Amino acid sequence: MTIKNIIISGASRGIGFELAKQLCAENHQVIALSRNITPLQALALPNLHPICFDLQDQDAYKGLVAYLTEKQLSVDVLINNAGKIINKPFEDLGLQDWQEVYATNVFGVAELTKSVLPFMNKEGHVVTVSSMGGVQGSMKFPGLAAYSSSKGAVITLTELLAEEYKETGPAFNVLALGAVQTEMLNEAFPGYKAPVSAAEMASYIKHFAMTGQQFYNGKLLQVANTTP
């Protein structure tokens, strides 16, 4: 197996944390971005490189570019995993709520991708984690106007980037996930039990991130074991 350099955002818990562990177990070099890197540091893995990173901080992107430049690293895979969810009736959503959700789920994805692109080649793969709630025609749930609409935005963004970079690469794909048992889900829907664990979903995303670019570009894949 070829050892790859992989960047994961939102890596301190849930799917991102499981992804980091699983990829490191396969000896890949993982740059794990999160506002809280303590759980990542506690793993003490030699091929895991935690970086304190806030998607809403412009200096964080500059710092990542400087890090990649200094280490002379090429990036094979970028996984845009970080997400923000607010479960609140539409009439109660304030401008700050919308800004917080979109800052992470849309603007953060765009800025992180833009920052990493110069370090990727034609064979690289950018995978963005979206949600079934962002898929046109899927079942929608009250309280998720900001979250689901932001997840719809990154689906369209992925399609646009695949077209814009189709001659030079890398490949861009987006995964619309169904419910996964994570801390973020529990915070938004206390007591709800999802049919898929974070580790199980991480295993799927890991495999797709490493091989999906051979078969897909600009594609939305729905990853859910239920049919809304």
C-alpha atoms as a PDB file:
ATOM      1  CA  MET A   1       0.000   0.000   0.000  1.00  0.00           C
ATOM      2  CA  THR A   2       1.265   3.450  -0.928  1.00  0.00           C
ATOM      3  CA  ILE A   3       1.661   5.744   2.073  1.00  0.00           C
ATOM      4  CA  LYS A   4      -0.309   8.959   1.572  1.00  0.00           C
ATOM      5  CA  ASN A   5      -0.440  12.397   3.155  1.00  0.00           C
ATOM      6  CA  ILE A   6      -3.988  13.113   4.307  1.00  0.00           C
ATOM      7  CA  ILE A   7      -5.621  16.174   5.862  1.00  0.00           C
ATOM      8  CA  ILE A   8      -8.805  15.808   7.921  1.00  0.00           C
ATOM      9  CA  SER A   9     -10.797  18.692   9.384  1.00  0.00           C
ATOM     10  CA  GLY A  10     -12.941  18.271  12.476  1.00  0.00           C
ATOM     11  CA  ALA A  11     -10.705  15.445  13.667  1.00  0.00           C
ATOM     12  CA  SER A  12     -11.025  15.606  17.459  1.00  0.00           C
ATOM     13  CA  ARG A  13     -14.240  13.600  17.787  1.00  0.00           C
ATOM     14  CA  GLY A  14     -16.845  11.566  15.955  1.00  0.00           C
ATOM     15  CA  ILE A  15     -16.178  10.459  12.388  1.00  0.00           C
ATOM     16  CA  GLY A  16     -13.063  12.627  12.032  1.00  0.00           C
ATOM     17  CA  PHE A  17     -11.436  11.132  15.115  1.00  0.00           C
ATOM     18  CA  GLU A  18     -12.178   7.591  13.945  1.00  0.00           C
ATOM     19  CA  LEU A  19     -10.848   8.425  10.483  1.00  0.00           C
ATOM     20  CA  ALA A  20      -7.600   9.713  11.943  1.00  0.00           C
ATOM     21  CA  LYS A  21      -7.100   6.537  13.972  1.00  0.00           C
ATOM     22  CA  GLN A  22      -7.960   4.191  11.128  1.00  0.00           C
ATOM     23  CA  LEU A  23      -5.759   5.959   8.585  1.00  0.00           C
ATOM     24  CA  CYS A  24      -2.838   6.075  11.002  1.00  0.00           C
ATOM     25  CA  ALA A  25      -3.276   2.350  11.619  1.00  0.00           C
ATOM     26  CA  GLU A  26      -2.598   1.874   7.901  1.00  0.00           C
ATOM     27  CA  ASN A  27       0.601   3.927   8.283  1.00  0.00           C
ATOM     28  CA  HIS A  28      -0.577   6.992   6.375  1.00  0.00           C
ATOM     29  CA  GLN A  29       0.630  10.419   7.462  1.00  0.00           C
ATOM     30  CA  VAL A  30      -2.380  12.273   8.860  1.00  0.00           C
ATOM     31  CA  ILE A  31      -2.614  16.014   9.494  1.00  0.00           C
ATOM     32  CA  ALA A  32      -5.561  16.365  11.845  1.00  0.00           C
ATOM     33  CA  LEU A  33      -7.178  19.788  12.148  1.00  0.00           C
ATOM     34  CA  SER A  34      -9.365  20.725  15.091  1.00  0.00           C
ATOM     35  CA  ARG A  35      -9.971  23.523  17.565  1.00  0.00           C
ATOM     36  CA  ASN A  36      -9.385  20.965  20.339  1.00  0.00           C
ATOM     37  CA  ILE A  37      -6.346  18.792  19.683  1.00  0.00           C
ATOM     38  CA  THR A  38      -6.080  17.256  23.175  1.00  0.00           C
ATOM     39  CA  PRO A  39      -7.834  13.973  22.213  1.00  0.00           C
ATOM     40  CA  LEU A  40      -5.541  13.667  19.191  1.00  0.00           C
ATOM     41  CA  GLN A  41      -2.406  14.343  21.184  1.00  0.00           C
ATOM     42  CA  ALA A  42      -3.480  11.697  23.695  1.00  0.00           C
ATOM     43  CA  LEU A  43      -3.280   9.057  20.960  1.00  0.00           C
ATOM     44  CA  ALA A  44       0.491   9.673  20.762  1.00  0.00           C
ATOM     45  CA  LEU A  45       0.774   8.246  17.262  1.00  0.00           C
ATOM     46  CA  PRO A  46       4.014   9.051  15.400  1.00  0.00           C
ATOM     47  CA  ASN A  47       2.244   9.530  12.052  1.00  0.00           C
ATOM     48  CA  LEU A  48      -0.555  11.700  13.466  1.00  0.00           C
ATOM     49  CA  HIS A  49       0.118  15.439  13.306  1.00  0.00           C
ATOM     50  CA  PRO A  50      -2.532  17.455  15.179  1.00  0.00           C
ATOM     51  CA  ILE A  51      -2.826  21.146  14.357  1.00  0.00           C
ATOM     52  CA  CYS A  52      -5.006  23.528  16.340  1.00  0.00           C
ATOM     53  CA  PHE A  53      -7.264  24.973  13.663  1.00  0.00           C
ATOM     54  CA  ASP A  54     -10.320  27.195  13.656  1.00  0.00           C
ATOM     55  CA  LEU A  55     -12.118  27.296  10.303  1.00  0.00           C
ATOM     56  CA  GLN A  56     -13.277  30.837  11.074  1.00  0.00           C
ATOM     57  CA  ASP A  57      -9.747  32.137  11.662  1.00  0.00           C
ATOM     58  CA  GLN A  58      -8.011  33.419   8.532  1.00  0.00           C
ATOM     59  CA  ASP A  59      -4.606  33.093  10.190  1.00  0.00           C
ATOM     60  CA  ALA A  60      -5.194  29.366  10.630  1.00  0.00           C
ATOM     61  CA  TYR A  61      -5.207  28.880   6.869  1.00  0.00           C
ATOM     62  CA  LYS A  62      -2.032  30.891   6.494  1.00  0.00           C
ATOM     63  CA  GLY A  63      -0.441  28.770   9.205  1.00  0.00           C
ATOM     64  CA  LEU A  64      -1.400  25.540   7.439  1.00  0.00           C
ATOM     65  CA  VAL A  65       0.031  26.775   4.134  1.00  0.00           C
ATOM     66  CA  ALA A  66       3.255  27.742   5.920  1.00  0.00           C
ATOM     67  CA  TYR A  67       3.410  24.303   7.570  1.00  0.00           C
ATOM     68  CA  LEU A  68       2.950  22.432   4.290  1.00  0.00           C
ATOM     69  CA  THR A  69       5.487  24.671   2.575  1.00  0.00           C
ATOM     70  CA  GLU A  70       8.080  24.310   5.325  1.00  0.00           C
ATOM     71  CA  LYS A  71       7.720  20.513   5.393  1.00  0.00           C
ATOM     72  CA  GLN A  72       7.678  20.406   1.573  1.00  0.00           C
ATOM     73  CA  LEU A  73       4.608  18.197   1.715  1.00  0.00           C
ATOM     74  CA  SER A  74       2.310  17.167  -1.060  1.00  0.00           C
ATOM     75  CA  VAL A  75      -1.254  16.330  -0.071  1.00  0.00           C
ATOM     76  CA  ASP A  76      -2.891  13.255  -1.553  1.00  0.00           C
ATOM     77  CA  VAL A  77      -6.277  13.454   0.168  1.00  0.00           C
ATOM     78  CA  LEU A  78      -8.264  16.247   1.809  1.00  0.00           C
ATOM     79  CA  ILE A  79     -11.335  15.235   3.822  1.00  0.00           C
ATOM     80  CA  ASN A  80     -13.608  18.171   4.624  1.00  0.00           C
ATOM     81  CA  ASN A  81     -15.274  16.590   7.637  1.00  0.00           C
ATOM     82  CA  ALA A  82     -15.806  19.446  10.107  1.00  0.00           C
ATOM     83  CA  GLY A  83     -19.444  20.358  10.604  1.00  0.00           C
ATOM     84  CA  LYS A  84     -21.724  22.603  12.622  1.00  0.00           C
ATOM     85  CA  ILE A  85     -25.382  21.824  13.344  1.00  0.00           C
ATOM     86  CA  ILE A  86     -28.078  23.938  14.951  1.00  0.00           C
ATOM     87  CA  ASN A  87     -31.497  22.452  15.626  1.00  0.00           C
ATOM     88  CA  LYS A  88     -33.826  25.415  16.044  1.00  0.00           C
ATOM     89  CA  PRO A  89     -37.166  26.497  14.537  1.00  0.00           C
ATOM     90  CA  PHE A  90     -36.699  28.736  11.507  1.00  0.00           C
ATOM     91  CA  GLU A  91     -38.388  31.703  13.170  1.00  0.00           C
ATOM     92  CA  ASP A  92     -35.904  31.473  16.056  1.00  0.00           C
ATOM     93  CA  LEU A  93     -32.784  31.391  13.880  1.00  0.00           C
ATOM     94  CA  GLY A  94     -30.831  34.616  14.138  1.00  0.00           C
ATOM     95  CA  LEU A  95     -28.267  35.981  11.717  1.00  0.00           C
ATOM     96  CA  GLN A  96     -25.484  34.747  13.986  1.00  0.00           C
ATOM     97  CA  ASP A  97     -26.864  31.192  13.819  1.00  0.00           C
ATOM     98  CA  TRP A  98     -26.788  31.252  10.026  1.00  0.00           C
ATOM     99  CA  GLN A  99     -23.300  32.758   9.978  1.00  0.00           C
ATOM    100  CA  GLU A 100     -21.914  30.147  12.381  1.00  0.00           C
ATOM    101  CA  VAL A 101     -23.326  27.215  10.425  1.00  0.00           C
ATOM    102  CA  TYR A 102     -22.278  28.520   7.011  1.00  0.00           C
ATOM    103  CA  ALA A 103     -18.857  29.642   8.284  1.00  0.00           C
ATOM    104  CA  THR A 104     -17.998  26.033   9.073  1.00  0.00           C
ATOM    105  CA  ASN A 105     -20.068  24.006   6.622  1.00  0.00           C
ATOM    106  CA  VAL A 106     -19.605  26.127   3.495  1.00  0.00           C
ATOM    107  CA  PHE A 107     -17.060  28.930   3.819  1.00  0.00           C
ATOM    108  CA  GLY A 108     -14.667  26.717   5.808  1.00  0.00           C
ATOM    109  CA  VAL A 109     -14.864  23.974   3.190  1.00  0.00           C
ATOM    110  CA  ALA A 110     -14.171  26.475   0.406  1.00  0.00           C
ATOM    111  CA  GLU A 111     -11.264  28.206   2.158  1.00  0.00           C
ATOM    112  CA  LEU A 112      -9.590  25.009   3.350  1.00  0.00           C
ATOM    113  CA  THR A 113      -9.882  23.478  -0.099  1.00  0.00           C
ATOM    114  CA  LYS A 114      -8.441  26.602  -1.721  1.00  0.00           C
ATOM    115  CA  SER A 115      -5.538  26.610   0.729  1.00  0.00           C
ATOM    116  CA  VAL A 116      -4.637  22.953   0.144  1.00  0.00           C
ATOM    117  CA  LEU A 117      -5.145  22.768  -3.641  1.00  0.00           C
ATOM    118  CA  PRO A 118      -1.659  24.099  -4.553  1.00  0.00           C
ATOM    119  CA  PHE A 119      -0.177  21.118  -2.705  1.00  0.00           C
ATOM    120  CA  MET A 120      -2.262  18.502  -4.532  1.00  0.00           C
ATOM    121  CA  ASN A 121      -1.689  16.841  -7.902  1.00  0.00           C
ATOM    122  CA  LYS A 122      -3.971  15.386 -10.570  1.00  0.00           C
ATOM    123  CA  GLU A 123      -4.281  12.055  -8.727  1.00  0.00           C
ATOM    124  CA  GLY A 124      -5.404  13.749  -5.504  1.00  0.00           C
ATOM    125  CA  HIS A 125      -8.875  13.492  -3.993  1.00  0.00           C
ATOM    126  CA  VAL A 126     -10.968  16.065  -2.147  1.00  0.00           C
ATOM    127  CA  VAL A 127     -13.838  14.459  -0.249  1.00  0.00           C
ATOM    128  CA  THR A 128     -16.452  16.635   1.415  1.00  0.00           C
ATOM    129  CA  VAL A 129     -18.846  15.233   4.004  1.00  0.00           C
ATOM    130  CA  SER A 130     -22.387  16.431   3.424  1.00  0.00           C
ATOM    131  CA  SER A 131     -25.752  15.133   4.645  1.00  0.00           C
ATOM    132  CA  MET A 132     -28.827  13.455   3.225  1.00  0.00           C
ATOM    133  CA  GLY A 133     -30.653  16.546   4.467  1.00  0.00           C
ATOM    134  CA  GLY A 134     -28.856  18.565   1.790  1.00  0.00           C
ATOM    135  CA  VAL A 135     -29.946  16.320  -1.079  1.00  0.00           C
ATOM    136  CA  GLN A 136     -32.743  17.656  -3.251  1.00  0.00           C
ATOM    137  CA  GLY A 137     -35.867  15.533  -2.848  1.00  0.00           C
ATOM    138  CA  SER A 138     -34.750  13.795   0.337  1.00  0.00           C
ATOM    139  CA  MET A 139     -36.780  13.885   3.529  1.00  0.00           C
ATOM    140  CA  LYS A 140     -36.362  17.174   5.395  1.00  0.00           C
ATOM    141  CA  PHE A 141     -36.703  17.786   9.129  1.00  0.00           C
ATOM    142  CA  PRO A 142     -37.989  20.851  11.006  1.00  0.00           C
ATOM    143  CA  GLY A 143     -35.301  22.791  12.834  1.00  0.00           C
ATOM    144  CA  LEU A 144     -32.536  22.112  10.333  1.00  0.00           C
ATOM    145  CA  ALA A 145     -33.012  24.989   7.884  1.00  0.00           C
ATOM    146  CA  ALA A 146     -29.493  26.349   8.374  1.00  0.00           C
ATOM    147  CA  TYR A 147     -27.744  22.984   8.584  1.00  0.00           C
ATOM    148  CA  SER A 148     -29.425  21.193   5.680  1.00  0.00           C
ATOM    149  CA  SER A 149     -29.271  24.189   3.332  1.00  0.00           C
ATOM    150  CA  SER A 150     -25.541  24.551   4.054  1.00  0.00           C
ATOM    151  CA  LYS A 151     -25.041  20.870   3.262  1.00  0.00           C
ATOM    152  CA  GLY A 152     -26.870  21.402  -0.016  1.00  0.00           C
ATOM    153  CA  ALA A 153     -24.492  24.248  -0.816  1.00  0.00           C
ATOM    154  CA  VAL A 154     -21.362  22.103  -0.566  1.00  0.00           C
ATOM    155  CA  ILE A 155     -22.904  19.515  -2.853  1.00  0.00           C
ATOM    156  CA  THR A 156     -23.189  22.153  -5.566  1.00  0.00           C
ATOM    157  CA  LEU A 157     -19.743  23.531  -4.708  1.00  0.00           C
ATOM    158  CA  THR A 158     -18.232  20.068  -5.218  1.00  0.00           C
ATOM    159  CA  GLU A 159     -19.831  19.761  -8.655  1.00  0.00           C
ATOM    160  CA  LEU A 160     -18.518  23.181  -9.639  1.00  0.00           C
ATOM    161  CA  LEU A 161     -14.963  22.492  -8.463  1.00  0.00           C
ATOM    162  CA  ALA A 162     -14.854  19.165 -10.289  1.00  0.00           C
ATOM    163  CA  GLU A 163     -15.740  21.008 -13.499  1.00  0.00           C
ATOM    164  CA  GLU A 164     -13.277  23.837 -12.872  1.00  0.00           C
ATOM    165  CA  TYR A 165     -10.356  21.487 -12.176  1.00  0.00           C
ATOM    166  CA  LYS A 166     -11.271  18.604 -14.479  1.00  0.00           C
ATOM    167  CA  GLU A 167      -8.158  19.118 -16.653  1.00  0.00           C
ATOM    168  CA  THR A 168      -5.619  19.514 -13.871  1.00  0.00           C
ATOM    169  CA  GLY A 169      -7.136  17.587 -10.953  1.00  0.00           C
ATOM    170  CA  PRO A 170      -7.588  16.752  -8.202  1.00  0.00           C
ATOM    171  CA  ALA A 171     -10.917  14.913  -8.160  1.00  0.00           C
ATOM    172  CA  PHE A 172     -13.778  16.278  -6.047  1.00  0.00           C
ATOM    173  CA  ASN A 173     -16.571  14.161  -4.602  1.00  0.00           C
ATOM    174  CA  VAL A 174     -19.161  14.606  -1.875  1.00  0.00           C
ATOM    175  CA  LEU A 175     -20.754  12.059   0.447  1.00  0.00           C
ATOM    176  CA  ALA A 176     -24.273  12.693   1.755  1.00  0.00           C
ATOM    177  CA  LEU A 177     -24.437  10.773   5.009  1.00  0.00           C
ATOM    178  CA  GLY A 178     -27.497   9.481   6.777  1.00  0.00           C
ATOM    179  CA  ALA A 179     -27.711   9.541  10.566  1.00  0.00           C
ATOM    180  CA  VAL A 180     -24.480   8.520  12.308  1.00  0.00           C
ATOM    181  CA  GLN A 181     -24.096   8.086  16.058  1.00  0.00           C
ATOM    182  CA  THR A 182     -21.792  10.978  16.941  1.00  0.00           C
ATOM    183  CA  GLU A 183     -21.500  13.590  19.661  1.00  0.00           C
ATOM    184  CA  MET A 184     -22.766  16.227  17.241  1.00  0.00           C
ATOM    185  CA  LEU A 185     -25.913  14.217  16.493  1.00  0.00           C
ATOM    186  CA  ASN A 186     -26.554  13.668  20.183  1.00  0.00           C
ATOM    187  CA  GLU A 187     -26.196  17.379  20.897  1.00  0.00           C
ATOM    188  CA  ALA A 188     -28.744  18.252  18.207  1.00  0.00           C
ATOM    189  CA  PHE A 189     -31.099  15.319  18.867  1.00  0.00           C
ATOM    190  CA  PRO A 190     -30.599  14.077  22.452  1.00  0.00           C
ATOM    191  CA  GLY A 191     -31.564  10.446  22.886  1.00  0.00           C
ATOM    192  CA  TYR A 192     -31.767   9.609  19.170  1.00  0.00           C
ATOM    193  CA  LYS A 193     -30.036   6.346  18.271  1.00  0.00           C
ATOM    194  CA  ALA A 194     -28.543   6.237  14.783  1.00  0.00           C
ATOM    195  CA  PRO A 195     -28.155   2.911  12.958  1.00  0.00           C
ATOM    196  CA  VAL A 196     -24.480   3.489  12.090  1.00  0.00           C
ATOM    197  CA  SER A 197     -21.555   4.146  14.434  1.00  0.00           C
ATOM    198  CA  ALA A 198     -18.871   6.764  13.835  1.00  0.00           C
ATOM    199  CA  ALA A 199     -16.258   4.019  13.413  1.00  0.00           C
ATOM    200  CA  GLU A 200     -18.358   2.205  10.803  1.00  0.00           C
ATOM    201  CA  MET A 201     -18.918   5.353   8.762  1.00  0.00           C
ATOM    202  CA  ALA A 202     -15.251   6.317   9.091  1.00  0.00           C
ATOM    203  CA  SER A 203     -14.273   2.960   7.614  1.00  0.00           C
ATOM    204  CA  TYR A 204     -16.457   3.612   4.573  1.00  0.00           C
ATOM    205  CA  ILE A 205     -15.179   7.171   4.097  1.00  0.00           C
ATOM    206  CA  LYS A 206     -11.579   6.008   4.490  1.00  0.00           C
ATOM    207  CA  HIS A 207     -11.937   3.479   1.688  1.00  0.00           C
ATOM    208  CA  PHE A 208     -13.736   5.954  -0.570  1.00  0.00           C
ATOM    209  CA  ALA A 209     -11.206   8.717   0.064  1.00  0.00           C
ATOM    210  CA  MET A 210      -8.347   6.423  -0.917  1.00  0.00           C
ATOM    211  CA  THR A 211      -9.906   4.885  -4.039  1.00  0.00           C
ATOM    212  CA  GLY A 212     -12.996   6.847  -5.114  1.00  0.00           C
ATOM    213  CA  GLN A 213     -11.141   9.246  -7.392  1.00  0.00           C
ATOM    214  CA  GLN A 214     -10.422   6.325  -9.735  1.00  0.00           C
ATOM    215  CA  PHE A 215     -14.119   6.020 -10.518  1.00  0.00           C
ATOM    216  CA  TYR A 216     -15.820   9.299  -9.597  1.00  0.00           C
ATOM    217  CA  ASN A 217     -15.378  13.023 -10.064  1.00  0.00           C
ATOM    218  CA  GLY A 218     -17.952  15.683  -9.288  1.00  0.00           C
ATOM    219  CA  LYS A 219     -20.309  13.074  -7.941  1.00  0.00           C
ATOM    220  CA  LEU A 220     -22.708  12.980  -5.006  1.00  0.00           C
ATOM    221  CA  LEU A 221     -22.926   9.593  -3.309  1.00  0.00           C
ATOM    222  CA  GLN A 222     -25.735   8.988  -0.856  1.00  0.00           C
ATOM    223  CA  VAL A 223     -24.455   6.938   2.072  1.00  0.00           C
ATOM    224  CA  ALA A 224     -27.500   5.899   4.060  1.00  0.00           C
ATOM    225  CA  ASN A 225     -29.040   2.529   4.860  1.00  0.00           C
ATOM    226  CA  THR A 226     -32.570   3.932   4.907  1.00  0.00           C
ATOM    227  CA  THR A 227     -34.660   5.389   2.099  1.00  0.00           C
ATOM    228  CA  PRO A 228     -36.381   8.634   3.208  1.00  0.00           C
END
